[in-house]
Amino acid sequence: MPLPTTESRNPASEQIDSLPPLDIVRLINAEDARVAEAVGREAEPIARAIEIIAERLRPGGRLVYLGAGTSGRLGVLDASECPPTFSVPPGMVVGIIAGGSAALTQAIEGAEAEPLWLALTEFQVPSDDPASFKASLPPSQTVAFVEQATNSGCRAQAHAGSGIVIGHLPDSVTSAPTAGKLIRPLRERAERAGGSLVLLNCDDAWKPELSVFGQGGQTMDLMRRLKQQLDPASLLNPRRLFGDL
């Protein structure tokens, strides 16, 4: 499997250790300039993301940054700067990094998919979402999956480095059959890619018809066994992200 772009070597800088300081500065500056160009090419999707985020923040929602390694640290940094810079209330913008607070000051190799997913259990899914889902995919398949999800009307946030996607069905979904029609092809795509998709949250009345979507995946099986062993009376984190395990 090819390495993610962020983990691959940049041919332009392979000999950076042998360059004189001035050439190093010029090389880094030239590579930095490519970032602005890349952002410019994605201006429309970024603007749409801003619209969706603003729509969710207005009624009291939150923006949650998820990341591992450098991207995780930058997310936490940005979240911590939002209150003093933009006067937003604490907790409106939240940063979650795989590996927890220790990963902010020390690299923790391999602290990606599972630790990041476990960190998410500390956050409740908004109750006004008709249904929310989580997909685990090979990182190379994340972008294509998100495109399919958004084209079907879902809102989706992804951490491409670990292949985790958190999605929300559109507000127009008001019944289990309609939800099933949207979720089923997404789950099939995730499974074809060697991943899984599970429901995180849905209307209680839908559960008899959609409960099958909450049964698959090694993560859910692991968490269910841990919860049964560590919290048989369901006293810890009631009604958290996994709902009734």
Protein backbone atom coordinates (compact mmCIF):
# COMPACT_ATOMS: atom_id res chain seq x y z
CA MET A 1 0.00 0.00 0.00
CA PRO A 2 1.46 3.42 -0.95
CA LEU A 3 2.37 5.75 1.88
CA PRO A 4 0.11 8.76 2.58
CA THR A 5 1.40 11.98 1.05
CA THR A 6 2.36 13.34 4.46
CA GLU A 7 4.51 10.28 5.14
CA SER A 8 6.25 10.19 1.75
CA ARG A 9 9.57 11.75 0.85
CA ASN A 10 9.63 15.05 -1.00
CA PRO A 11 12.11 14.68 -3.88
CA ALA A 12 12.79 18.42 -3.83
CA SER A 13 14.23 18.25 -0.32
CA GLU A 14 15.95 14.86 -0.29
CA GLN A 15 19.38 16.53 -0.25
CA ILE A 16 18.46 19.33 2.14
CA ASP A 17 21.04 18.19 4.69
CA SER A 18 23.86 18.85 2.24
CA LEU A 19 22.76 22.35 1.16
CA PRO A 20 24.21 25.63 2.47
CA PRO A 21 21.91 27.61 4.81
CA LEU A 22 20.76 30.14 2.19
CA ASP A 23 19.71 27.36 -0.20
CA ILE A 24 17.88 25.60 2.64
CA VAL A 25 15.90 28.78 3.38
CA ARG A 26 15.06 29.28 -0.29
CA LEU A 27 14.00 25.66 -0.70
CA ILE A 28 11.71 25.75 2.34
CA ASN A 29 10.25 29.09 1.23
CA ALA A 30 9.55 27.70 -2.25
CA GLU A 31 7.82 24.64 -0.81
CA ASP A 32 5.80 26.83 1.56
CA ALA A 33 4.55 28.86 -1.42
CA ARG A 34 2.96 25.71 -2.82
CA VAL A 35 0.69 25.54 0.22
CA ALA A 36 -1.05 28.81 -0.67
CA GLU A 37 -1.55 27.57 -4.23
CA ALA A 38 -3.05 24.30 -2.99
CA VAL A 39 -5.44 26.16 -0.67
CA GLY A 40 -6.48 28.42 -3.54
CA ARG A 41 -7.43 25.41 -5.68
CA GLU A 42 -9.75 24.19 -2.92
CA ALA A 43 -11.35 27.57 -2.14
CA GLU A 44 -14.91 26.48 -2.96
CA PRO A 45 -14.95 23.29 -0.80
CA ILE A 46 -13.32 25.21 2.07
CA ALA A 47 -15.98 27.93 1.80
CA ARG A 48 -18.70 25.28 1.86
CA ALA A 49 -17.13 23.74 4.97
CA ILE A 50 -17.19 27.17 6.64
CA GLU A 51 -20.89 27.54 5.81
CA ILE A 52 -21.68 24.12 7.32
CA ILE A 53 -19.63 24.82 10.45
CA ALA A 54 -21.28 28.23 10.96
CA GLU A 55 -24.69 26.64 10.51
CA ARG A 56 -23.94 24.19 13.32
CA LEU A 57 -22.33 26.77 15.64
CA ARG A 58 -25.27 29.22 15.56
CA PRO A 59 -27.67 27.03 17.59
CA GLY A 60 -24.94 26.17 20.10
CA GLY A 61 -22.98 23.45 18.33
CA ARG A 62 -19.23 22.87 18.49
CA LEU A 63 -16.31 22.60 16.14
CA VAL A 64 -14.11 19.64 17.04
CA TYR A 65 -10.64 19.25 15.56
CA LEU A 66 -9.42 15.64 15.32
CA GLY A 67 -5.85 14.80 14.50
CA ALA A 68 -2.73 12.78 15.14
CA GLY A 69 0.85 13.95 15.22
CA THR A 70 1.56 17.39 13.80
CA SER A 71 -1.97 17.92 12.46
CA GLY A 72 -3.37 17.04 15.87
CA ARG A 73 -1.08 19.50 17.64
CA LEU A 74 -2.04 22.28 15.22
CA GLY A 75 -5.72 21.54 15.79
CA VAL A 76 -5.34 21.77 19.56
CA LEU A 77 -3.30 24.97 19.18
CA ASP A 78 -5.94 26.59 16.96
CA ALA A 79 -8.74 25.54 19.32
CA SER A 80 -6.92 27.02 22.31
CA GLU A 81 -6.39 30.32 20.48
CA CYS A 82 -10.04 30.79 19.42
CA PRO A 83 -11.35 32.20 22.76
CA PRO A 84 -8.70 34.95 23.16
CA THR A 85 -8.52 35.75 19.43
CA PHE A 86 -12.20 35.62 18.43
CA SER A 87 -13.92 35.91 21.84
CA VAL A 88 -15.77 32.62 21.38
CA PRO A 89 -16.86 30.84 24.57
CA PRO A 90 -14.58 28.06 25.85
CA GLY A 91 -15.74 24.70 24.58
CA MET A 92 -17.15 25.96 21.28
CA VAL A 93 -13.94 24.93 19.48
CA VAL A 94 -12.35 21.75 20.83
CA GLY A 95 -9.09 20.03 19.90
CA ILE A 96 -8.59 16.26 20.24
CA ILE A 97 -5.20 14.68 19.56
CA ALA A 98 -4.51 10.96 19.35
CA GLY A 99 -2.47 9.92 22.36
CA GLY A 100 -3.93 12.60 24.63
CA SER A 101 -2.14 15.54 26.21
CA ALA A 102 1.17 13.65 26.33
CA ALA A 103 1.26 13.70 22.52
CA LEU A 104 1.34 17.51 22.52
CA THR A 105 4.94 17.62 23.71
CA GLN A 106 6.23 14.21 22.67
CA ALA A 107 5.76 12.22 19.47
CA ILE A 108 3.82 9.00 20.05
CA GLU A 109 4.26 6.79 17.01
CA GLY A 110 1.22 4.76 16.02
CA ALA A 111 -1.19 6.80 18.18
CA GLU A 112 -3.73 7.27 15.45
CA ALA A 113 -6.93 5.40 14.65
CA GLU A 114 -7.80 3.53 17.84
CA PRO A 115 -6.58 6.10 20.42
CA LEU A 116 -8.24 8.87 18.42
CA TRP A 117 -11.47 6.94 18.28
CA LEU A 118 -11.36 6.19 22.01
CA ALA A 119 -10.89 9.91 22.72
CA LEU A 120 -14.12 10.59 20.86
CA THR A 121 -16.11 8.60 23.43
CA GLU A 122 -15.75 11.56 25.79
CA PHE A 123 -17.91 13.73 23.54
CA GLN A 124 -21.66 13.48 23.13
CA VAL A 125 -23.26 13.46 19.70
CA PRO A 126 -25.76 16.36 19.45
CA SER A 127 -29.23 15.03 20.16
CA ASP A 128 -30.77 16.92 17.25
CA ASP A 129 -28.85 14.88 14.69
CA PRO A 130 -31.24 12.30 13.17
CA ALA A 131 -28.36 9.86 12.87
CA SER A 132 -24.58 9.91 13.09
CA PHE A 133 -22.12 7.30 11.90
CA LYS A 134 -18.45 6.43 12.09
CA ALA A 135 -16.47 4.78 9.31
CA SER A 136 -12.98 3.29 9.55
CA LEU A 137 -11.18 3.07 6.22
CA PRO A 138 -7.72 2.64 4.72
CA PRO A 139 -6.35 6.21 4.60
CA SER A 140 -6.10 6.10 0.80
CA GLN A 141 -9.88 5.55 0.55
CA THR A 142 -10.94 8.38 2.89
CA VAL A 143 -11.34 11.16 0.32
CA ALA A 144 -13.44 9.05 -2.06
CA PHE A 145 -15.66 7.93 0.82
CA VAL A 146 -16.20 11.50 2.02
CA GLU A 147 -17.07 12.57 -1.53
CA GLN A 148 -19.71 9.84 -1.76
CA ALA A 149 -21.10 10.76 1.67
CA THR A 150 -21.35 14.47 0.89
CA ASN A 151 -22.82 13.81 -2.57
CA SER A 152 -25.60 11.85 -0.83
CA GLY A 153 -26.36 14.85 1.38
CA CYS A 154 -24.46 13.84 4.52
CA ARG A 155 -22.11 16.10 6.44
CA ALA A 156 -18.80 14.36 7.01
CA GLN A 157 -15.56 15.16 8.79
CA ALA A 158 -12.49 13.02 8.29
CA HIS A 159 -8.99 12.48 9.60
CA ALA A 160 -7.40 11.27 6.39
CA GLY A 161 -4.19 10.11 8.10
CA SER A 162 -6.03 7.48 10.16
CA GLY A 163 -9.01 6.86 7.88
CA ILE A 164 -11.63 7.88 10.49
CA VAL A 165 -14.78 9.56 9.19
CA ILE A 166 -17.56 10.93 11.41
CA GLY A 167 -20.73 11.63 9.46
CA HIS A 168 -24.18 13.07 10.06
CA LEU A 169 -27.25 12.33 7.98
CA PRO A 170 -29.05 15.36 6.49
CA ASP A 171 -31.79 17.01 8.54
CA SER A 172 -34.30 15.99 5.87
CA VAL A 173 -33.99 12.35 6.95
CA THR A 174 -37.05 11.68 9.09
CA SER A 175 -37.52 7.91 8.93
CA ALA A 176 -35.54 4.70 9.32
CA PRO A 177 -36.13 3.54 5.70
CA THR A 178 -34.74 6.81 4.36
CA ALA A 179 -31.77 6.60 6.71
CA GLY A 180 -31.13 3.03 5.62
CA LYS A 181 -31.08 4.01 1.95
CA LEU A 182 -28.36 6.56 2.66
CA ILE A 183 -26.28 4.49 5.06
CA ARG A 184 -26.38 1.12 3.26
CA PRO A 185 -24.31 2.15 0.18
CA LEU A 186 -21.83 3.96 2.41
CA ARG A 187 -21.36 0.89 4.55
CA GLU A 188 -20.97 -1.28 1.44
CA ARG A 189 -18.28 1.06 0.12
CA ALA A 190 -16.46 1.02 3.46
CA GLU A 191 -16.51 -2.78 3.57
CA ARG A 192 -15.34 -3.11 -0.05
CA ALA A 193 -12.36 -0.96 0.93
CA GLY A 194 -11.60 -3.29 3.85
CA GLY A 195 -13.12 -1.01 6.49
CA SER A 196 -16.37 -0.76 8.43
CA LEU A 197 -19.24 1.60 9.20
CA VAL A 198 -21.36 1.72 12.36
CA LEU A 199 -24.16 3.96 13.57
CA LEU A 200 -23.30 6.09 16.58
CA ASN A 201 -26.60 7.79 17.23
CA CYS A 202 -30.15 7.65 15.89
CA ASP A 203 -33.75 8.23 16.84
CA ASP A 204 -34.86 5.57 19.35
CA ALA A 205 -37.81 4.69 17.12
CA TRP A 206 -35.40 3.79 14.29
CA LYS A 207 -33.27 1.35 16.27
CA PRO A 208 -35.31 -1.81 15.54
CA GLU A 209 -34.81 -1.26 11.82
CA LEU A 210 -31.28 0.15 11.90
CA SER A 211 -29.72 -1.77 14.80
CA VAL A 212 -27.84 -3.96 12.32
CA PHE A 213 -25.69 -0.97 11.43
CA GLY A 214 -24.43 -0.74 14.99
CA GLN A 215 -23.20 -4.30 15.21
CA GLY A 216 -20.26 -4.45 12.83
CA GLY A 217 -16.62 -3.60 13.21
CA GLN A 218 -13.83 -4.67 15.53
CA THR A 219 -13.83 -1.33 17.35
CA MET A 220 -17.42 -1.69 18.51
CA ASP A 221 -16.86 -5.31 19.55
CA LEU A 222 -13.78 -4.30 21.55
CA MET A 223 -15.50 -1.38 23.23
CA ARG A 224 -18.56 -3.47 24.04
CA ARG A 225 -16.41 -6.14 25.76
CA LEU A 226 -14.42 -3.53 27.68
CA LYS A 227 -17.56 -1.79 28.87
CA GLN A 228 -19.12 -5.06 30.03
CA GLN A 229 -16.00 -5.90 32.02
CA LEU A 230 -15.22 -2.46 33.45
CA ASP A 231 -18.68 -1.02 33.87
CA PRO A 232 -21.28 -3.80 34.14
CA ALA A 233 -23.77 -1.47 35.84
CA SER A 234 -23.40 1.20 33.09
CA LEU A 235 -22.45 3.88 35.61
CA LEU A 236 -19.63 5.45 33.59
CA ASN A 237 -20.27 7.86 30.72
CA PRO A 238 -23.99 7.04 30.35
CA ARG A 239 -25.48 7.87 26.95
CA ARG A 240 -22.11 8.82 25.54
CA LEU A 241 -21.13 8.46 21.92
CA PHE A 242 -21.79 4.73 21.76
CA GLY A 243 -25.26 5.03 23.31
CA ASP A 244 -26.47 1.90 25.05
CA LEU A 245 -23.75 -0.73 24.71
